[in-house]
């Protein structure tokens, strides 16, 4: 973890230092988009009876809870500072925010009164992205396609709250509680997009993929959570500087 955080700091220093030698306009980008969970490693409905606890928590939950993984897809918002490193390369540092709450119920059990035993699963992520991107047509072209890669640092919080069933002591006791796990995870980020720049304004669209994984601990059915996924977003940028 120390090595990963050191890499983040070094990338941030490079971005800040580059601002003093920028050869073209810098850009402050704002974005709004749609985050889609990865889904392959946490596929609800696949079953997990024989996989133990060293699995994604959502996959483990799908063995006894009914919920829709697609409900974790949702809106994200953020901002990014872009600094040119010559005509064909630029560095970026940005942050975004995402949170979704998904309802679930026990698949094979109900309360003595016949009601569902229900709870909610909530995931919140605040990714900090440090990237370098290539602009094949250059900074001065009105149409600017680009692609790049870098490092993401994801501050996350996962919780389950509501009603639960205790199967210990040979019985089924329903209780109300909340289980929480949080942390900071790192991983790669890749991106590609296109923008149209005219004077002090730019607008565009972008696709971004992050890969990261967190550890949730012994209170949950699984031991980890897949934080990766695709973000499809529109961008608007305000260009400034020389």
Protein backbone atom coordinates (compact mmCIF):
# COMPACT_ATOMS: atom_id res chain seq x y z
CA UNK A 1 0.00 0.00 0.00
CA UNK A 2 2.86 2.40 0.78
CA UNK A 3 4.31 1.83 -2.68
CA UNK A 4 0.96 2.46 -4.32
CA UNK A 5 0.35 5.67 -2.41
CA UNK A 6 3.86 6.83 -3.28
CA UNK A 7 3.04 6.31 -6.95
CA UNK A 8 -0.09 8.44 -6.52
CA UNK A 9 1.90 11.25 -4.94
CA UNK A 10 4.51 11.13 -7.69
CA UNK A 11 1.85 11.33 -10.38
CA UNK A 12 0.24 14.28 -8.61
CA UNK A 13 3.58 16.07 -8.37
CA UNK A 14 4.15 15.56 -12.11
CA UNK A 15 0.74 17.04 -12.90
CA UNK A 16 1.31 20.09 -10.70
CA UNK A 17 4.84 20.64 -12.02
CA UNK A 18 3.62 20.38 -15.60
CA UNK A 19 1.30 23.34 -15.07
CA UNK A 20 4.26 25.70 -14.86
CA UNK A 21 5.49 24.66 -18.31
CA UNK A 22 2.20 24.17 -20.12
CA UNK A 23 2.51 24.91 -23.85
CA UNK A 24 -1.24 25.27 -24.41
CA UNK A 25 -4.42 26.01 -22.55
CA UNK A 26 -5.27 24.02 -19.46
CA UNK A 27 -8.81 22.73 -19.00
CA UNK A 28 -11.09 22.35 -16.00
CA UNK A 29 -13.53 19.56 -16.94
CA UNK A 30 -16.87 18.73 -15.36
CA UNK A 31 -18.60 15.46 -16.16
CA UNK A 32 -21.84 13.62 -15.55
CA UNK A 33 -22.23 10.02 -16.53
CA UNK A 34 -23.44 6.50 -15.93
CA UNK A 35 -21.43 3.91 -14.00
CA UNK A 36 -22.00 0.22 -14.88
CA UNK A 37 -20.62 -2.41 -12.50
CA UNK A 38 -18.23 -5.00 -13.92
CA UNK A 39 -20.61 -7.91 -13.40
CA UNK A 40 -18.35 -10.80 -14.46
CA UNK A 41 -16.78 -11.50 -11.06
CA UNK A 42 -19.94 -10.64 -9.11
CA UNK A 43 -22.65 -12.22 -11.24
CA UNK A 44 -25.89 -12.46 -9.31
CA UNK A 45 -27.73 -15.72 -9.82
CA UNK A 46 -24.59 -17.78 -10.50
CA UNK A 47 -24.75 -19.50 -7.11
CA UNK A 48 -21.90 -19.77 -4.64
CA UNK A 49 -22.64 -22.81 -2.48
CA UNK A 50 -19.19 -24.38 -2.83
CA UNK A 51 -16.95 -21.34 -3.25
CA UNK A 52 -16.27 -20.51 0.42
CA UNK A 53 -15.85 -16.96 1.68
CA UNK A 54 -12.87 -15.86 -0.44
CA UNK A 55 -15.18 -14.42 -3.12
CA UNK A 56 -16.88 -11.20 -4.08
CA UNK A 57 -19.48 -10.28 -1.47
CA UNK A 58 -22.21 -9.71 -4.07
CA UNK A 59 -21.63 -13.12 -5.61
CA UNK A 60 -21.70 -14.72 -2.15
CA UNK A 61 -24.90 -12.84 -1.27
CA UNK A 62 -26.58 -14.08 -4.44
CA UNK A 63 -26.54 -17.61 -2.99
CA UNK A 64 -29.22 -16.70 -0.43
CA UNK A 65 -30.48 -13.19 -1.30
CA UNK A 66 -32.51 -12.05 -4.29
CA UNK A 67 -31.48 -8.74 -5.87
CA UNK A 68 -30.55 -7.35 -9.26
CA UNK A 69 -26.88 -6.55 -9.84
CA UNK A 70 -27.92 -4.16 -12.59
CA UNK A 71 -29.53 -1.96 -9.94
CA UNK A 72 -26.01 -1.00 -8.84
CA UNK A 73 -25.59 0.83 -12.14
CA UNK A 74 -26.19 4.53 -11.66
CA UNK A 75 -25.20 8.14 -12.07
CA UNK A 76 -21.76 9.55 -11.37
CA UNK A 77 -20.55 13.16 -11.30
CA UNK A 78 -17.06 14.60 -11.13
CA UNK A 79 -14.41 17.03 -12.24
CA UNK A 80 -10.92 16.86 -13.71
CA UNK A 81 -7.97 19.21 -14.25
CA UNK A 82 -6.16 18.69 -17.56
CA UNK A 83 -2.66 20.02 -18.18
CA UNK A 84 -0.99 19.85 -21.62
CA UNK A 85 2.49 18.34 -21.90
CA UNK A 86 3.23 19.57 -25.39
CA UNK A 87 0.86 19.44 -28.36
CA UNK A 88 0.00 15.73 -28.31
CA UNK A 89 0.06 14.68 -24.64
CA UNK A 90 -1.75 15.88 -21.54
CA UNK A 91 -1.94 14.85 -17.88
CA UNK A 92 -5.09 14.75 -15.82
CA UNK A 93 -6.10 14.62 -12.16
CA UNK A 94 -9.75 14.22 -11.24
CA UNK A 95 -12.32 13.03 -8.73
CA UNK A 96 -15.85 11.65 -9.09
CA UNK A 97 -18.69 10.45 -6.87
CA UNK A 98 -21.08 7.49 -7.12
CA UNK A 99 -23.57 5.92 -4.68
CA UNK A 100 -26.34 3.35 -5.12
CA UNK A 101 -28.67 1.52 -2.73
CA UNK A 102 -30.18 -1.80 -3.88
CA UNK A 103 -33.06 -3.63 -2.12
CA UNK A 104 -32.81 -7.37 -1.46
CA UNK A 105 -34.74 -10.16 0.29
CA UNK A 106 -33.95 -13.67 1.50
CA UNK A 107 -34.66 -16.04 -1.40
CA UNK A 108 -35.95 -19.08 0.49
CA UNK A 109 -37.11 -17.68 3.83
CA UNK A 110 -39.84 -15.38 5.10
CA UNK A 111 -40.78 -14.10 8.53
CA UNK A 112 -43.26 -16.10 10.68
CA UNK A 113 -46.00 -13.63 9.65
CA UNK A 114 -45.30 -14.31 5.98
CA UNK A 115 -43.55 -11.01 5.28
CA UNK A 116 -40.31 -10.85 3.34
CA UNK A 117 -37.08 -10.54 5.35
CA UNK A 118 -35.64 -7.54 3.55
CA UNK A 119 -32.49 -5.45 3.70
CA UNK A 120 -30.62 -2.95 1.53
CA UNK A 121 -27.13 -3.15 0.02
CA UNK A 122 -25.34 0.16 -0.49
CA UNK A 123 -22.11 0.97 -2.32
CA UNK A 124 -20.43 4.38 -2.36
CA UNK A 125 -17.25 5.17 -4.30
CA UNK A 126 -15.11 8.29 -4.66
CA UNK A 127 -12.42 7.55 -7.26
CA UNK A 128 -9.38 9.83 -7.65
CA UNK A 129 -7.91 9.33 -11.13
CA UNK A 130 -4.41 10.30 -12.30
CA UNK A 131 -3.94 9.80 -16.03
CA UNK A 132 -1.84 10.59 -19.08
CA UNK A 133 -3.55 10.76 -22.46
CA UNK A 134 -2.52 11.06 -26.10
CA UNK A 135 -4.24 13.41 -28.58
CA UNK A 136 -3.34 12.19 -32.11
CA UNK A 137 -4.64 15.39 -33.78
CA UNK A 138 -3.02 17.70 -31.25
CA UNK A 139 -4.20 20.37 -28.85
CA UNK A 140 -4.90 22.93 -31.59
CA UNK A 141 -7.35 20.83 -33.58
CA UNK A 142 -11.03 21.72 -33.05
CA UNK A 143 -11.83 17.96 -33.02
CA UNK A 144 -9.72 16.16 -30.42
CA UNK A 145 -10.01 12.37 -30.06
CA UNK A 146 -7.88 10.96 -27.24
CA UNK A 147 -6.98 7.81 -25.33
CA UNK A 148 -5.00 7.24 -22.17
CA UNK A 149 -4.33 5.30 -18.99
CA UNK A 150 -3.25 5.85 -15.42
CA UNK A 151 -3.91 5.05 -11.78
CA UNK A 152 -7.16 5.21 -9.82
CA UNK A 153 -7.39 5.51 -6.02
CA UNK A 154 -10.90 4.57 -4.88
CA UNK A 155 -12.25 5.57 -1.49
CA UNK A 156 -15.22 3.25 -0.92
CA UNK A 157 -17.86 2.23 1.60
CA UNK A 158 -20.10 -0.86 1.40
CA UNK A 159 -22.93 -1.54 3.83
CA UNK A 160 -25.82 -3.93 4.39
CA UNK A 161 -28.65 -2.78 6.65
CA UNK A 162 -32.13 -3.99 7.52
CA UNK A 163 -33.40 -7.41 8.66
CA UNK A 164 -31.22 -10.51 8.83
CA UNK A 165 -31.66 -14.14 9.87
CA UNK A 166 -29.46 -15.84 12.48
CA UNK A 167 -29.31 -19.58 11.71
CA UNK A 168 -27.11 -20.47 14.69
CA UNK A 169 -28.31 -22.76 17.52
CA UNK A 170 -30.54 -24.64 15.10
CA UNK A 171 -33.07 -21.84 14.86
CA UNK A 172 -33.99 -18.88 12.72
CA UNK A 173 -33.94 -15.60 14.60
CA UNK A 174 -34.73 -12.40 12.72
CA UNK A 175 -32.82 -9.31 13.88
CA UNK A 176 -32.17 -5.78 12.66
CA UNK A 177 -28.61 -4.59 12.18
CA UNK A 178 -26.14 -2.79 9.92
CA UNK A 179 -22.81 -4.13 8.64
CA UNK A 180 -20.25 -1.71 7.21
CA UNK A 181 -16.90 -2.03 5.45
CA UNK A 182 -14.80 0.77 3.97
CA UNK A 183 -11.32 1.44 2.72
CA UNK A 184 -9.14 2.81 -0.06
CA UNK A 185 -8.12 0.65 -3.03
CA UNK A 186 -5.91 1.30 -6.05
CA UNK A 187 -5.86 -0.04 -9.59
CA UNK A 188 -5.48 0.88 -13.25
CA UNK A 189 -7.76 3.18 -15.22
CA UNK A 190 -8.02 3.35 -19.01
CA UNK A 191 -10.04 5.87 -21.00
CA UNK A 192 -10.91 7.10 -24.45
CA UNK A 193 -13.08 9.84 -25.86
CA UNK A 194 -13.49 12.75 -28.19
CA UNK A 195 -14.12 16.44 -27.57
CA UNK A 196 -14.77 19.54 -29.63
CA UNK A 197 -12.82 22.61 -28.50
CA UNK A 198 -13.70 26.15 -29.54
CA UNK A 199 -12.00 29.03 -27.77
CA UNK A 200 -12.48 28.79 -24.03
CA UNK A 201 -15.01 25.96 -24.11
CA UNK A 202 -14.89 22.23 -24.93
CA UNK A 203 -17.62 19.58 -24.96
CA UNK A 204 -17.31 15.85 -25.53
CA UNK A 205 -17.99 12.27 -24.56
CA UNK A 206 -15.81 9.67 -22.85
CA UNK A 207 -15.68 6.01 -21.82
CA UNK A 208 -13.58 5.12 -18.77
CA UNK A 209 -12.82 1.74 -17.17
CA UNK A 210 -11.47 1.26 -13.64
CA UNK A 211 -10.27 -1.97 -12.05
CA UNK A 212 -9.99 -2.14 -8.25
CA UNK A 213 -10.88 -4.49 -5.41
CA UNK A 214 -11.61 -3.98 -1.71
CA UNK A 215 -11.64 -6.24 1.35
CA UNK A 216 -14.88 -6.30 3.35
CA UNK A 217 -13.98 -8.60 6.26
CA UNK A 218 -15.57 -11.39 8.28
CA UNK A 219 -18.96 -9.78 8.91
CA UNK A 220 -20.05 -10.46 5.33
CA UNK A 221 -20.77 -13.56 3.27
CA UNK A 222 -17.78 -12.80 1.02
CA UNK A 223 -14.38 -11.35 1.81
CA UNK A 224 -13.90 -8.87 -1.06
CA UNK A 225 -15.82 -6.50 -3.31
CA UNK A 226 -15.16 -5.79 -6.98
CA UNK A 227 -15.07 -2.01 -7.46
CA UNK A 228 -14.37 -2.13 -11.19
CA UNK A 229 -16.67 -1.07 -13.98
CA UNK A 230 -17.35 1.16 -16.97
CA UNK A 231 -18.28 4.83 -16.83
CA UNK A 232 -19.93 6.51 -19.83
CA UNK A 233 -19.94 10.27 -19.44
CA UNK A 234 -20.41 13.59 -21.12
CA UNK A 235 -17.89 16.36 -20.44
CA UNK A 236 -17.84 20.13 -20.54
CA UNK A 237 -14.54 21.93 -20.12
CA UNK A 238 -13.49 25.51 -19.45
CA UNK A 239 -10.12 26.32 -20.99
CA UNK A 240 -7.80 28.90 -19.45
CA UNK A 241 -4.15 29.95 -19.32
CA UNK A 242 -1.85 30.80 -22.18
